[in-house]
Amino acid sequence: MRGDPTDQVVAAYYRVRQMLGALGVGLPVMLLFAGWVEDGRILPSLSDYYHTIQRDIFVGCLFAIGTFLIAYRGHDRGPGETVSDEILTNIAGISAIAIALFPSEAEAQEVTTLTQAAFGLRAAVLGHYLFAQAFLYSLAWMCFVHFGRTGSPRRRAVYRGCGLAIVSVGIIATLAAAGRRFGSEGIHSFVIDNSIVFWCEAAGVWAFGIAWLTKGRAEMLLTRRRRARVA
């Protein structure tokens, strides 16, 4: 006998959420490990790995995350919500792919990508940071508003905590990046030597991954309970 179509849809969403969560948790870890194998150091930011032999990991994961987010429809807009899940995930997904297509600044001021050739080096860097902001804050909005509208109090606390973490580290990363670029030599060295931007970006991506893993787990438990009641 074939299963309930509703349960099958929920199971499909569960898998998408689990994959998104796994990619979010795994991306910084993979870059850390691969970078350590290459030269035993941590780069100043996640985006700096684009300019290394770890580019395939960085770009591949961002394209996968972006594709999953765009394909994910989510729930319709609820009462009091200004945007639906689909709009938010589309913004986040397009932004994730754009982060990979618009690289951050590199030491060698050379045109190496199509976006740099089309828009120029400075415009490509500006696009990278704008899309990074759009990616992080659309995910934070989803954690605060959309994920937090359902679930047990404990899970809602997890979602809101993840949203708060994304916003907090996003602000710190922005300030650190500004200090790295425009600050004094001491501030520049502190940000670079301690990989402040990297750890903030990693924490934000980890929070994103944890939120999606938690949401996927909640949906699967709901499906199992529904099946148990029917049986």
N, C-alpha and C. Protein backbone atom coordinates (compact mmCIF):
# COMPACT_ATOMS: atom_id res chain seq x y z
N MET A 1 0.85 -1.19 0.00
CA MET A 1 0.00 0.00 0.00
C MET A 1 0.89 1.25 0.00
N ARG A 2 0.50 2.20 -0.84
CA ARG A 2 1.27 3.42 -0.92
C ARG A 2 0.99 4.31 0.28
N GLY A 3 2.00 5.06 0.69
CA GLY A 3 1.85 5.91 1.85
C GLY A 3 1.01 7.13 1.56
N ASP A 4 0.69 7.84 2.62
CA ASP A 4 -0.07 9.07 2.51
C ASP A 4 0.73 10.10 1.72
N PRO A 5 0.14 10.68 0.62
CA PRO A 5 0.88 11.68 -0.16
C PRO A 5 1.36 12.85 0.67
N THR A 6 0.56 13.24 1.67
CA THR A 6 0.97 14.34 2.54
C THR A 6 2.26 14.00 3.28
N ASP A 7 2.31 12.77 3.80
CA ASP A 7 3.52 12.34 4.50
C ASP A 7 4.72 12.29 3.56
N GLN A 8 4.46 11.92 2.30
CA GLN A 8 5.55 11.87 1.33
C GLN A 8 6.11 13.26 1.04
N VAL A 9 5.21 14.24 0.96
CA VAL A 9 5.66 15.61 0.75
C VAL A 9 6.47 16.10 1.95
N VAL A 10 5.98 15.80 3.15
CA VAL A 10 6.69 16.20 4.37
C VAL A 10 8.07 15.55 4.41
N ALA A 11 8.13 14.26 4.00
CA ALA A 11 9.41 13.57 3.98
C ALA A 11 10.38 14.22 3.00
N ALA A 12 9.84 14.68 1.86
CA ALA A 12 10.68 15.35 0.87
C ALA A 12 11.22 16.66 1.43
N TYR A 13 10.36 17.43 2.10
CA TYR A 13 10.80 18.67 2.72
C TYR A 13 11.84 18.38 3.81
N TYR A 14 11.64 17.28 4.54
CA TYR A 14 12.58 16.90 5.59
C TYR A 14 13.97 16.68 4.99
N ARG A 15 14.01 15.98 3.88
CA ARG A 15 15.30 15.71 3.25
C ARG A 15 15.97 16.99 2.78
N VAL A 16 15.17 17.89 2.18
CA VAL A 16 15.73 19.17 1.73
C VAL A 16 16.30 19.94 2.92
N ARG A 17 15.53 20.01 4.00
CA ARG A 17 15.99 20.73 5.18
C ARG A 17 17.23 20.08 5.78
N GLN A 18 17.27 18.76 5.80
CA GLN A 18 18.45 18.08 6.34
C GLN A 18 19.68 18.36 5.48
N MET A 19 19.50 18.35 4.18
CA MET A 19 20.63 18.64 3.30
C MET A 19 21.11 20.08 3.47
N LEU A 20 20.16 21.01 3.57
CA LEU A 20 20.54 22.40 3.79
C LEU A 20 21.29 22.55 5.11
N GLY A 21 20.75 21.91 6.15
CA GLY A 21 21.40 21.98 7.45
C GLY A 21 22.79 21.37 7.43
N ALA A 22 22.91 20.23 6.77
CA ALA A 22 24.21 19.56 6.71
C ALA A 22 25.23 20.39 5.95
N LEU A 23 24.80 21.01 4.85
CA LEU A 23 25.72 21.85 4.09
C LEU A 23 26.14 23.08 4.90
N GLY A 24 25.16 23.66 5.64
CA GLY A 24 25.49 24.81 6.46
C GLY A 24 26.49 24.48 7.55
N VAL A 25 26.30 23.35 8.19
CA VAL A 25 27.23 22.94 9.25
C VAL A 25 28.56 22.50 8.65
N GLY A 26 28.50 21.86 7.49
CA GLY A 26 29.71 21.26 6.93
C GLY A 26 30.62 22.20 6.18
N LEU A 27 30.08 23.29 5.61
CA LEU A 27 30.92 24.17 4.79
C LEU A 27 32.13 24.73 5.54
N PRO A 28 31.97 25.40 6.69
CA PRO A 28 33.16 25.90 7.38
C PRO A 28 34.11 24.79 7.81
N VAL A 29 33.55 23.64 8.20
CA VAL A 29 34.39 22.53 8.64
C VAL A 29 35.24 22.01 7.48
N MET A 30 34.63 21.86 6.31
CA MET A 30 35.38 21.38 5.14
C MET A 30 36.46 22.36 4.75
N LEU A 31 36.15 23.66 4.78
CA LEU A 31 37.16 24.65 4.43
C LEU A 31 38.30 24.67 5.44
N LEU A 32 37.94 24.56 6.72
CA LEU A 32 38.97 24.51 7.77
C LEU A 32 39.91 23.33 7.55
N PHE A 33 39.32 22.16 7.33
CA PHE A 33 40.13 20.94 7.18
C PHE A 33 41.00 21.02 5.93
N ALA A 34 40.40 21.42 4.81
CA ALA A 34 41.16 21.48 3.56
C ALA A 34 42.25 22.53 3.63
N GLY A 35 41.95 23.68 4.25
CA GLY A 35 42.96 24.72 4.40
C GLY A 35 44.10 24.29 5.31
N TRP A 36 43.74 23.56 6.36
CA TRP A 36 44.77 23.08 7.28
C TRP A 36 45.68 22.07 6.60
N VAL A 37 45.11 21.23 5.75
CA VAL A 37 45.90 20.27 5.00
C VAL A 37 46.84 20.98 4.04
N GLU A 38 46.33 22.06 3.41
CA GLU A 38 47.13 22.78 2.42
C GLU A 38 48.32 23.49 3.06
N ASP A 39 48.08 24.36 4.03
CA ASP A 39 49.19 25.14 4.57
C ASP A 39 49.10 25.38 6.07
N GLY A 40 48.18 24.68 6.77
CA GLY A 40 48.13 24.75 8.22
C GLY A 40 47.70 26.08 8.80
N ARG A 41 46.84 26.83 8.08
CA ARG A 41 46.40 28.10 8.62
C ARG A 41 44.92 28.34 8.32
N ILE A 42 44.34 29.25 9.09
CA ILE A 42 42.95 29.65 8.88
C ILE A 42 42.95 31.01 8.20
N LEU A 43 42.23 31.13 7.11
CA LEU A 43 42.19 32.39 6.37
C LEU A 43 41.30 33.41 7.10
N PRO A 44 41.46 34.69 6.77
CA PRO A 44 40.70 35.73 7.49
C PRO A 44 39.19 35.63 7.35
N SER A 45 38.67 35.06 6.27
CA SER A 45 37.22 34.95 6.08
C SER A 45 36.90 33.73 5.23
N LEU A 46 35.64 33.31 5.29
CA LEU A 46 35.21 32.22 4.42
C LEU A 46 35.42 32.57 2.96
N SER A 47 35.11 33.82 2.61
CA SER A 47 35.20 34.24 1.21
C SER A 47 36.62 34.18 0.68
N ASP A 48 37.61 34.31 1.55
CA ASP A 48 39.00 34.26 1.10
C ASP A 48 39.38 32.88 0.56
N TYR A 49 38.63 31.86 0.94
CA TYR A 49 38.93 30.52 0.42
C TYR A 49 38.61 30.41 -1.07
N TYR A 50 37.84 31.36 -1.59
CA TYR A 50 37.58 31.38 -3.03
C TYR A 50 38.89 31.50 -3.81
N HIS A 51 39.84 32.22 -3.25
CA HIS A 51 41.09 32.50 -3.95
C HIS A 51 42.17 31.47 -3.65
N THR A 52 41.76 30.30 -3.20
CA THR A 52 42.70 29.21 -2.91
C THR A 52 42.27 27.96 -3.69
N ILE A 53 42.99 26.87 -3.45
CA ILE A 53 42.61 25.63 -4.12
C ILE A 53 41.35 25.02 -3.52
N GLN A 54 40.82 25.64 -2.44
CA GLN A 54 39.54 25.21 -1.87
C GLN A 54 38.34 25.86 -2.56
N ARG A 55 38.57 26.54 -3.68
CA ARG A 55 37.49 27.24 -4.38
C ARG A 55 36.34 26.30 -4.72
N ASP A 56 36.65 25.09 -5.15
CA ASP A 56 35.60 24.15 -5.55
C ASP A 56 34.65 23.85 -4.40
N ILE A 57 35.20 23.69 -3.19
CA ILE A 57 34.37 23.44 -2.01
C ILE A 57 33.47 24.64 -1.74
N PHE A 58 34.05 25.82 -1.72
CA PHE A 58 33.32 27.06 -1.43
C PHE A 58 32.20 27.29 -2.44
N VAL A 59 32.53 27.25 -3.71
CA VAL A 59 31.55 27.52 -4.76
C VAL A 59 30.51 26.40 -4.84
N GLY A 60 30.97 25.15 -4.76
CA GLY A 60 30.05 24.03 -4.87
C GLY A 60 29.01 24.02 -3.76
N CYS A 61 29.44 24.27 -2.52
CA CYS A 61 28.49 24.28 -1.40
C CYS A 61 27.51 25.43 -1.52
N LEU A 62 27.99 26.60 -1.92
CA LEU A 62 27.09 27.75 -2.06
C LEU A 62 26.07 27.52 -3.17
N PHE A 63 26.49 26.94 -4.27
CA PHE A 63 25.54 26.63 -5.34
C PHE A 63 24.52 25.60 -4.88
N ALA A 64 24.97 24.60 -4.13
CA ALA A 64 24.04 23.58 -3.63
C ALA A 64 23.05 24.19 -2.64
N ILE A 65 23.56 25.00 -1.70
CA ILE A 65 22.67 25.67 -0.74
C ILE A 65 21.68 26.57 -1.46
N GLY A 66 22.18 27.34 -2.43
CA GLY A 66 21.30 28.24 -3.17
C GLY A 66 20.23 27.49 -3.96
N THR A 67 20.62 26.40 -4.59
CA THR A 67 19.66 25.62 -5.37
C THR A 67 18.58 25.01 -4.48
N PHE A 68 18.98 24.45 -3.35
CA PHE A 68 18.01 23.88 -2.41
C PHE A 68 17.05 24.96 -1.90
N LEU A 69 17.57 26.14 -1.59
CA LEU A 69 16.73 27.21 -1.07
C LEU A 69 15.73 27.69 -2.13
N ILE A 70 16.16 27.81 -3.36
CA ILE A 70 15.25 28.24 -4.42
C ILE A 70 14.19 27.19 -4.68
N ALA A 71 14.58 25.91 -4.64
CA ALA A 71 13.62 24.83 -4.89
C ALA A 71 12.63 24.65 -3.75
N TYR A 72 12.98 25.12 -2.56
CA TYR A 72 12.13 24.95 -1.39
C TYR A 72 11.00 25.97 -1.41
N ARG A 73 9.77 25.49 -1.40
CA ARG A 73 8.63 26.40 -1.47
C ARG A 73 8.18 26.87 -0.10
N GLY A 74 8.13 25.97 0.86
CA GLY A 74 7.72 26.34 2.21
C GLY A 74 6.23 26.60 2.33
N HIS A 75 5.84 27.32 3.38
CA HIS A 75 4.44 27.59 3.66
C HIS A 75 4.00 28.90 3.01
N ASP A 76 2.70 29.01 2.78
CA ASP A 76 2.14 30.26 2.27
C ASP A 76 2.26 31.34 3.34
N ARG A 77 2.11 32.58 2.92
CA ARG A 77 2.21 33.70 3.85
C ARG A 77 1.09 33.63 4.89
N GLY A 78 1.46 33.70 6.15
CA GLY A 78 0.50 33.62 7.24
C GLY A 78 0.05 34.99 7.70
N PRO A 79 -0.92 35.04 8.60
CA PRO A 79 -1.41 36.32 9.13
C PRO A 79 -0.28 37.12 9.80
N GLY A 80 -0.18 38.39 9.45
CA GLY A 80 0.84 39.24 10.05
C GLY A 80 2.21 39.14 9.40
N GLU A 81 2.38 38.25 8.42
CA GLU A 81 3.66 38.11 7.74
C GLU A 81 3.68 38.96 6.47
N THR A 82 4.77 39.63 6.23
CA THR A 82 4.87 40.50 5.07
C THR A 82 5.34 39.76 3.82
N VAL A 83 6.09 38.68 4.00
CA VAL A 83 6.56 37.89 2.87
C VAL A 83 6.38 36.41 3.18
N SER A 84 6.30 35.61 2.15
CA SER A 84 6.12 34.17 2.32
C SER A 84 7.46 33.48 2.44
N ASP A 85 7.40 32.20 2.83
CA ASP A 85 8.62 31.38 2.88
C ASP A 85 9.31 31.37 1.52
N GLU A 86 8.52 31.25 0.46
CA GLU A 86 9.09 31.11 -0.88
C GLU A 86 9.89 32.34 -1.28
N ILE A 87 9.37 33.52 -0.99
CA ILE A 87 10.10 34.74 -1.33
C ILE A 87 11.41 34.81 -0.55
N LEU A 88 11.34 34.52 0.74
CA LEU A 88 12.55 34.57 1.57
C LEU A 88 13.61 33.58 1.10
N THR A 89 13.18 32.35 0.84
CA THR A 89 14.15 31.34 0.42
C THR A 89 14.69 31.64 -0.98
N ASN A 90 13.87 32.26 -1.84
CA ASN A 90 14.37 32.66 -3.16
C ASN A 90 15.43 33.75 -3.02
N ILE A 91 15.17 34.72 -2.15
CA ILE A 91 16.17 35.77 -1.92
C ILE A 91 17.47 35.17 -1.38
N ALA A 92 17.34 34.30 -0.38
CA ALA A 92 18.52 33.67 0.22
C ALA A 92 19.24 32.80 -0.80
N GLY A 93 18.48 32.03 -1.60
CA GLY A 93 19.10 31.13 -2.57
C GLY A 93 19.84 31.88 -3.67
N ILE A 94 19.20 32.91 -4.22
CA ILE A 94 19.86 33.71 -5.25
C ILE A 94 21.09 34.39 -4.68
N SER A 95 20.99 34.86 -3.45
CA SER A 95 22.13 35.52 -2.81
C SER A 95 23.29 34.55 -2.60
N ALA A 96 22.99 33.31 -2.18
CA ALA A 96 24.05 32.32 -1.97
C ALA A 96 24.81 32.04 -3.26
N ILE A 97 24.07 31.89 -4.35
CA ILE A 97 24.72 31.64 -5.65
C ILE A 97 25.52 32.86 -6.08
N ALA A 98 24.96 34.06 -5.84
CA ALA A 98 25.66 35.29 -6.23
C ALA A 98 26.94 35.48 -5.43
N ILE A 99 26.95 35.07 -4.17
CA ILE A 99 28.18 35.17 -3.37
C ILE A 99 29.31 34.40 -4.05
N ALA A 100 28.96 33.24 -4.60
CA ALA A 100 29.96 32.43 -5.28
C ALA A 100 30.39 33.03 -6.62
N LEU A 101 29.47 33.75 -7.26
CA LEU A 101 29.78 34.31 -8.58
C LEU A 101 30.49 35.66 -8.50
N PHE A 102 30.26 36.39 -7.38
CA PHE A 102 30.90 37.68 -7.18
C PHE A 102 31.97 37.53 -6.09
N PRO A 103 33.21 37.31 -6.45
CA PRO A 103 34.24 37.04 -5.43
C PRO A 103 34.62 38.29 -4.66
N SER A 104 35.14 38.06 -3.46
CA SER A 104 35.66 39.16 -2.64
C SER A 104 36.99 39.64 -3.20
N GLU A 105 37.52 40.69 -2.58
CA GLU A 105 38.79 41.24 -3.07
C GLU A 105 39.92 40.25 -2.87
N ALA A 106 40.87 40.29 -3.79
CA ALA A 106 42.05 39.43 -3.71
C ALA A 106 43.30 40.30 -3.74
N GLU A 107 44.41 39.73 -3.28
CA GLU A 107 45.67 40.49 -3.29
C GLU A 107 46.07 40.86 -4.71
N ALA A 108 45.91 39.91 -5.63
CA ALA A 108 46.21 40.18 -7.03
C ALA A 108 45.00 40.82 -7.69
N GLN A 109 45.13 42.07 -8.08
CA GLN A 109 44.03 42.80 -8.70
C GLN A 109 43.91 42.40 -10.18
N GLU A 110 43.44 41.18 -10.39
CA GLU A 110 43.31 40.66 -11.74
C GLU A 110 41.89 40.19 -11.98
N VAL A 111 41.44 40.32 -13.21
CA VAL A 111 40.11 39.84 -13.59
C VAL A 111 40.20 38.34 -13.85
N THR A 112 39.50 37.57 -13.01
CA THR A 112 39.55 36.10 -13.14
C THR A 112 38.17 35.47 -13.29
N THR A 113 37.11 36.28 -13.19
CA THR A 113 35.76 35.73 -13.28
C THR A 113 34.93 36.54 -14.27
N LEU A 114 33.83 35.94 -14.71
CA LEU A 114 32.94 36.60 -15.66
C LEU A 114 32.33 37.86 -15.05
N THR A 115 31.95 37.79 -13.78
CA THR A 115 31.32 38.96 -13.15
C THR A 115 32.30 40.12 -13.02
N GLN A 116 33.56 39.82 -12.75
CA GLN A 116 34.56 40.87 -12.68
C GLN A 116 34.77 41.51 -14.05
N ALA A 117 34.76 40.69 -15.09
CA ALA A 117 34.91 41.22 -16.45
C ALA A 117 33.71 42.06 -16.86
N ALA A 118 32.53 41.64 -16.42
CA ALA A 118 31.30 42.33 -16.83
C ALA A 118 31.07 43.61 -16.04
N PHE A 119 31.36 43.59 -14.73
CA PHE A 119 31.01 44.73 -13.87
C PHE A 119 32.21 45.48 -13.31
N GLY A 120 33.39 44.90 -13.42
CA GLY A 120 34.58 45.52 -12.85
C GLY A 120 34.91 44.95 -11.49
N LEU A 121 36.16 45.10 -11.07
CA LEU A 121 36.61 44.50 -9.82
C LEU A 121 35.90 45.10 -8.61
N ARG A 122 35.78 46.41 -8.55
CA ARG A 122 35.16 47.05 -7.39
C ARG A 122 33.67 46.69 -7.29
N ALA A 123 32.99 46.71 -8.41
CA ALA A 123 31.56 46.38 -8.41
C ALA A 123 31.34 44.92 -8.00
N ALA A 124 32.24 44.04 -8.43
CA ALA A 124 32.11 42.63 -8.06
C ALA A 124 32.28 42.45 -6.55
N VAL A 125 33.23 43.16 -5.96
CA VAL A 125 33.43 43.08 -4.51
C VAL A 125 32.22 43.65 -3.78
N LEU A 126 31.70 44.78 -4.24
CA LEU A 126 30.51 45.37 -3.62
C LEU A 126 29.34 44.41 -3.72
N GLY A 127 29.17 43.78 -4.88
CA GLY A 127 28.10 42.79 -5.04
C GLY A 127 28.26 41.63 -4.09
N HIS A 128 29.49 41.19 -3.88
CA HIS A 128 29.75 40.08 -2.96
C HIS A 128 29.25 40.41 -1.56
N TYR A 129 29.59 41.59 -1.06
CA TYR A 129 29.19 41.95 0.30
C TYR A 129 27.70 42.22 0.42
N LEU A 130 27.10 42.81 -0.60
CA LEU A 130 25.66 43.06 -0.57
C LEU A 130 24.88 41.75 -0.56
N PHE A 131 25.29 40.82 -1.40
CA PHE A 131 24.60 39.52 -1.45
C PHE A 131 24.84 38.73 -0.17
N ALA A 132 26.02 38.87 0.43
CA ALA A 132 26.28 38.19 1.70
C ALA A 132 25.35 38.71 2.79
N GLN A 133 25.13 40.03 2.81
CA GLN A 133 24.20 40.60 3.78
C GLN A 133 22.78 40.11 3.54
N ALA A 134 22.36 40.09 2.27
CA ALA A 134 21.01 39.63 1.94
C ALA A 134 20.81 38.17 2.32
N PHE A 135 21.85 37.36 2.12
CA PHE A 135 21.77 35.94 2.47
C PHE A 135 21.60 35.76 3.97
N LEU A 136 22.45 36.40 4.75
CA LEU A 136 22.42 36.21 6.20
C LEU A 136 21.12 36.72 6.80
N TYR A 137 20.70 37.92 6.42
CA TYR A 137 19.56 38.52 7.10
C TYR A 137 18.22 37.94 6.65
N SER A 138 18.16 37.41 5.43
CA SER A 138 16.93 36.70 5.04
C SER A 138 16.80 35.40 5.82
N LEU A 139 17.92 34.74 6.10
CA LEU A 139 17.88 33.52 6.91
C LEU A 139 17.51 33.86 8.36
N ALA A 140 18.04 34.97 8.87
CA ALA A 140 17.70 35.38 10.23
C ALA A 140 16.21 35.68 10.33
N TRP A 141 15.67 36.36 9.34
CA TRP A 141 14.24 36.68 9.32
C TRP A 141 13.41 35.40 9.35
N MET A 142 13.86 34.40 8.58
CA MET A 142 13.14 33.14 8.55
C MET A 142 13.16 32.46 9.92
N CYS A 143 14.31 32.50 10.60
CA CYS A 143 14.40 31.90 11.92
C CYS A 143 13.50 32.61 12.93
N PHE A 144 13.53 33.93 12.91
CA PHE A 144 12.75 34.72 13.87
C PHE A 144 11.24 34.59 13.63
N VAL A 145 10.82 34.76 12.37
CA VAL A 145 9.40 34.91 12.07
C VAL A 145 8.75 33.62 11.62
N HIS A 146 9.35 32.95 10.64
CA HIS A 146 8.69 31.83 10.00
C HIS A 146 8.88 30.52 10.77
N PHE A 147 10.10 30.19 11.14
CA PHE A 147 10.31 28.96 11.89
C PHE A 147 9.71 29.06 13.29
N GLY A 148 9.80 30.24 13.88
CA GLY A 148 9.35 30.41 15.25
C GLY A 148 7.86 30.45 15.45
N ARG A 149 7.08 30.38 14.37
CA ARG A 149 5.63 30.47 14.53
C ARG A 149 5.01 29.14 14.92
N THR A 150 5.73 28.05 14.76
CA THR A 150 5.21 26.73 15.10
C THR A 150 6.25 25.98 15.93
N GLY A 151 5.83 24.86 16.50
CA GLY A 151 6.75 24.01 17.25
C GLY A 151 6.64 24.22 18.74
N SER A 152 7.34 23.38 19.46
CA SER A 152 7.34 23.45 20.92
C SER A 152 8.10 24.70 21.37
N PRO A 153 7.87 25.15 22.61
CA PRO A 153 8.63 26.30 23.12
C PRO A 153 10.14 26.11 23.02
N ARG A 154 10.60 24.88 23.24
CA ARG A 154 12.05 24.63 23.17
C ARG A 154 12.57 24.84 21.75
N ARG A 155 11.81 24.34 20.74
CA ARG A 155 12.26 24.51 19.36
C ARG A 155 12.17 25.97 18.93
N ARG A 156 11.12 26.65 19.38
CA ARG A 156 11.02 28.08 19.03
C ARG A 156 12.20 28.85 19.63
N ALA A 157 12.63 28.44 20.82
CA ALA A 157 13.80 29.08 21.43
C ALA A 157 15.06 28.82 20.60
N VAL A 158 15.17 27.60 20.05
CA VAL A 158 16.31 27.28 19.19
C VAL A 158 16.30 28.16 17.95
N TYR A 159 15.13 28.28 17.29
CA TYR A 159 15.04 29.08 16.08
C TYR A 159 15.40 30.54 16.36
N ARG A 160 14.83 31.09 17.42
CA ARG A 160 15.11 32.49 17.75
C ARG A 160 16.56 32.70 18.16
N GLY A 161 17.11 31.70 18.87
CA GLY A 161 18.52 31.79 19.22
C GLY A 161 19.41 31.78 17.99
N CYS A 162 19.05 30.93 17.01
CA CYS A 162 19.81 30.88 15.76
C CYS A 162 19.69 32.21 15.00
N GLY A 163 18.46 32.76 14.97
CA GLY A 163 18.27 34.04 14.31
C GLY A 163 19.08 35.14 14.97
N LEU A 164 19.08 35.16 16.30
CA LEU A 164 19.86 36.16 17.03
C LEU A 164 21.34 35.99 16.77
N ALA A 165 21.79 34.75 16.71
CA ALA A 165 23.20 34.49 16.44
C ALA A 165 23.59 34.99 15.05
N ILE A 166 22.73 34.74 14.06
CA ILE A 166 23.03 35.18 12.69
C ILE A 166 23.15 36.70 12.63
N VAL A 167 22.19 37.39 13.25
CA VAL A 167 22.22 38.85 13.24
C VAL A 167 23.45 39.37 13.98
N SER A 168 23.72 38.81 15.15
CA SER A 168 24.83 39.30 15.97
C SER A 168 26.18 39.13 15.27
N VAL A 169 26.43 37.92 14.79
CA VAL A 169 27.73 37.70 14.15
C VAL A 169 27.81 38.43 12.81
N GLY A 170 26.65 38.64 12.16
CA GLY A 170 26.66 39.41 10.93
C GLY A 170 27.10 40.84 11.17
N ILE A 171 26.61 41.45 12.25
CA ILE A 171 27.01 42.81 12.60
C ILE A 171 28.49 42.86 12.95
N ILE A 172 28.94 41.89 13.78
CA ILE A 172 30.35 41.87 14.18
C ILE A 172 31.25 41.67 12.96
N ALA A 173 30.84 40.76 12.06
CA ALA A 173 31.64 40.50 10.85
C ALA A 173 31.73 41.74 9.98
N THR A 174 30.62 42.49 9.87
CA THR A 174 30.63 43.71 9.07
C THR A 174 31.58 44.75 9.66
N LEU A 175 31.51 44.91 10.99
CA LEU A 175 32.41 45.86 11.65
C LEU A 175 33.87 45.43 11.53
N ALA A 176 34.10 44.12 11.69
CA ALA A 176 35.47 43.61 11.58
C ALA A 176 36.02 43.78 10.16
N ALA A 177 35.15 43.53 9.16
CA ALA A 177 35.58 43.69 7.77
C ALA A 177 35.91 45.15 7.48
N ALA A 178 35.10 46.07 8.05
CA ALA A 178 35.38 47.50 7.87
C ALA A 178 36.69 47.87 8.55
N GLY A 179 36.93 47.31 9.75
CA GLY A 179 38.18 47.57 10.44
C GLY A 179 39.38 47.00 9.68
N ARG A 180 39.18 45.86 9.08
CA ARG A 180 40.24 45.24 8.28
C ARG A 180 40.61 46.10 7.09
N ARG A 181 39.62 46.73 6.49
CA ARG A 181 39.86 47.49 5.27
C ARG A 181 40.23 48.95 5.53
N PHE A 182 39.58 49.55 6.53
CA PHE A 182 39.75 50.99 6.72
C PHE A 182 40.38 51.37 8.06
N GLY A 183 40.55 50.40 8.96
CA GLY A 183 41.05 50.71 10.29
C GLY A 183 42.55 50.90 10.34
N SER A 184 43.03 51.15 11.55
CA SER A 184 44.47 51.33 11.76
C SER A 184 45.21 50.02 11.53
N GLU A 185 46.51 50.10 11.51
CA GLU A 185 47.32 48.90 11.31
C GLU A 185 47.10 47.88 12.42
N GLY A 186 46.93 48.39 13.68
CA GLY A 186 46.68 47.49 14.80
C GLY A 186 45.37 46.75 14.67
N ILE A 187 44.30 47.47 14.29
CA ILE A 187 42.99 46.84 14.10
C ILE A 187 43.04 45.85 12.95
N HIS A 188 43.69 46.26 11.87
CA HIS A 188 43.83 45.37 10.71
C HIS A 188 44.51 44.07 11.11
N SER A 189 45.61 44.18 11.83
CA SER A 189 46.37 42.98 12.24
C SER A 189 45.55 42.11 13.18
N PHE A 190 44.83 42.73 14.10
CA PHE A 190 44.02 41.96 15.05
C PHE A 190 42.95 41.16 14.33
N VAL A 191 42.26 41.80 13.39
CA VAL A 191 41.19 41.11 12.65
C VAL A 191 41.76 39.96 11.82
N ILE A 192 42.89 40.21 11.16
CA ILE A 192 43.49 39.20 10.30
C ILE A 192 44.07 38.05 11.12
N ASP A 193 44.86 38.39 12.13
CA ASP A 193 45.57 37.36 12.91
C ASP A 193 44.61 36.43 13.64
N ASN A 194 43.47 36.94 14.07
CA ASN A 194 42.51 36.13 14.81
C ASN A 194 41.36 35.61 13.96
N SER A 195 41.41 35.86 12.67
CA SER A 195 40.37 35.38 11.74
C SER A 195 38.97 35.72 12.25
N ILE A 196 38.79 36.97 12.70
CA ILE A 196 37.52 37.39 13.29
C ILE A 196 36.37 37.21 12.32
N VAL A 197 36.57 37.67 11.10
CA VAL A 197 35.49 37.58 10.11
C VAL A 197 35.18 36.12 9.80
N PHE A 198 36.21 35.30 9.69
CA PHE A 198 35.98 33.88 9.41
C PHE A 198 35.09 33.25 10.48
N TRP A 199 35.44 33.45 11.77
CA TRP A 199 34.70 32.79 12.84
C TRP A 199 33.28 33.34 12.95
N CYS A 200 33.10 34.62 12.67
CA CYS A 200 31.74 35.18 12.67
C CYS A 200 30.92 34.58 11.54
N GLU A 201 31.49 34.52 10.35
CA GLU A 201 30.78 33.93 9.21
C GLU A 201 30.48 32.45 9.47
N ALA A 202 31.46 31.75 10.02
CA ALA A 202 31.25 30.33 10.32
C ALA A 202 30.13 30.15 11.33
N ALA A 203 30.11 30.99 12.38
CA ALA A 203 29.06 30.89 13.39
C ALA A 203 27.69 31.17 12.79
N GLY A 204 27.61 32.14 11.88
CA GLY A 204 26.34 32.43 11.22
C GLY A 204 25.86 31.28 10.36
N VAL A 205 26.77 30.67 9.62
CA VAL A 205 26.40 29.53 8.77
C VAL A 205 26.03 28.32 9.63
N TRP A 206 26.74 28.13 10.74
CA TRP A 206 26.39 27.03 11.65
C TRP A 206 25.00 27.24 12.26
N ALA A 207 24.69 28.47 12.64
CA ALA A 207 23.36 28.76 13.18
C ALA A 207 22.29 28.48 12.13
N PHE A 208 22.54 28.86 10.91
CA PHE A 208 21.63 28.55 9.80
C PHE A 208 21.43 27.04 9.68
N GLY A 209 22.53 26.28 9.71
CA GLY A 209 22.44 24.83 9.59
C GLY A 209 21.68 24.20 10.74
N ILE A 210 21.94 24.65 11.95
CA ILE A 210 21.25 24.10 13.12
C ILE A 210 19.76 24.36 13.04
N ALA A 211 19.36 25.56 12.61
CA ALA A 211 17.94 25.89 12.50
C ALA A 211 17.25 24.97 11.51
N TRP A 212 17.88 24.73 10.37
CA TRP A 212 17.25 23.88 9.36
C TRP A 212 17.23 22.42 9.77
N LEU A 213 18.27 21.96 10.45
CA LEU A 213 18.27 20.59 10.94
C LEU A 213 17.16 20.40 11.99
N THR A 214 17.00 21.39 12.86
CA THR A 214 15.97 21.32 13.89
C THR A 214 14.58 21.33 13.27
N LYS A 215 14.36 22.20 12.28
CA LYS A 215 13.06 22.28 11.63
C LYS A 215 12.74 20.99 10.89
N GLY A 216 13.72 20.44 10.21
CA GLY A 216 13.50 19.18 9.51
C GLY A 216 13.17 18.05 10.46
N ARG A 217 13.85 17.99 11.58
CA ARG A 217 13.58 16.97 12.58
C ARG A 217 12.17 17.11 13.14
N ALA A 218 11.73 18.34 13.38
CA ALA A 218 10.39 18.57 13.91
C ALA A 218 9.32 18.09 12.93
N GLU A 219 9.52 18.36 11.64
CA GLU A 219 8.55 17.93 10.64
C GLU A 219 8.48 16.41 10.55
N MET A 220 9.61 15.75 10.65
CA MET A 220 9.61 14.30 10.56
C MET A 220 8.94 13.68 11.78
N LEU A 221 9.16 14.23 12.96
CA LEU A 221 8.49 13.71 14.16
C LEU A 221 6.98 13.88 14.05
N LEU A 222 6.55 15.01 13.48
CA LEU A 222 5.12 15.24 13.29
C LEU A 222 4.51 14.20 12.36
N THR A 223 5.24 13.85 11.30
CA THR A 223 4.76 12.84 10.36
C THR A 223 4.65 11.49 11.03
N ARG A 224 5.62 11.13 11.84
CA ARG A 224 5.59 9.83 12.51
C ARG A 224 4.43 9.74 13.49
N ARG A 225 4.15 10.83 14.18
CA ARG A 225 3.01 10.84 15.11
C ARG A 225 1.70 10.70 14.35
N ARG A 226 1.60 11.36 13.20
CA ARG A 226 0.38 11.24 12.41
C ARG A 226 0.19 9.80 11.93
N ARG A 227 1.27 9.17 11.52
CA ARG A 227 1.18 7.80 11.07
C ARG A 227 0.76 6.87 12.22
N ALA A 228 1.30 7.15 13.42
CA ALA A 228 0.99 6.32 14.57
C ALA A 228 -0.50 6.43 14.93
N ARG A 229 -1.07 7.63 14.81
CA ARG A 229 -2.50 7.81 15.11
C ARG A 229 -3.37 7.08 14.11
N VAL A 230 -2.96 7.14 12.83
CA VAL A 230 -3.73 6.44 11.80
C VAL A 230 -3.67 4.93 11.99
N ALA A 231 -2.48 4.43 12.35
CA ALA A 231 -2.33 2.99 12.56
C ALA A 231 -3.14 2.53 13.76
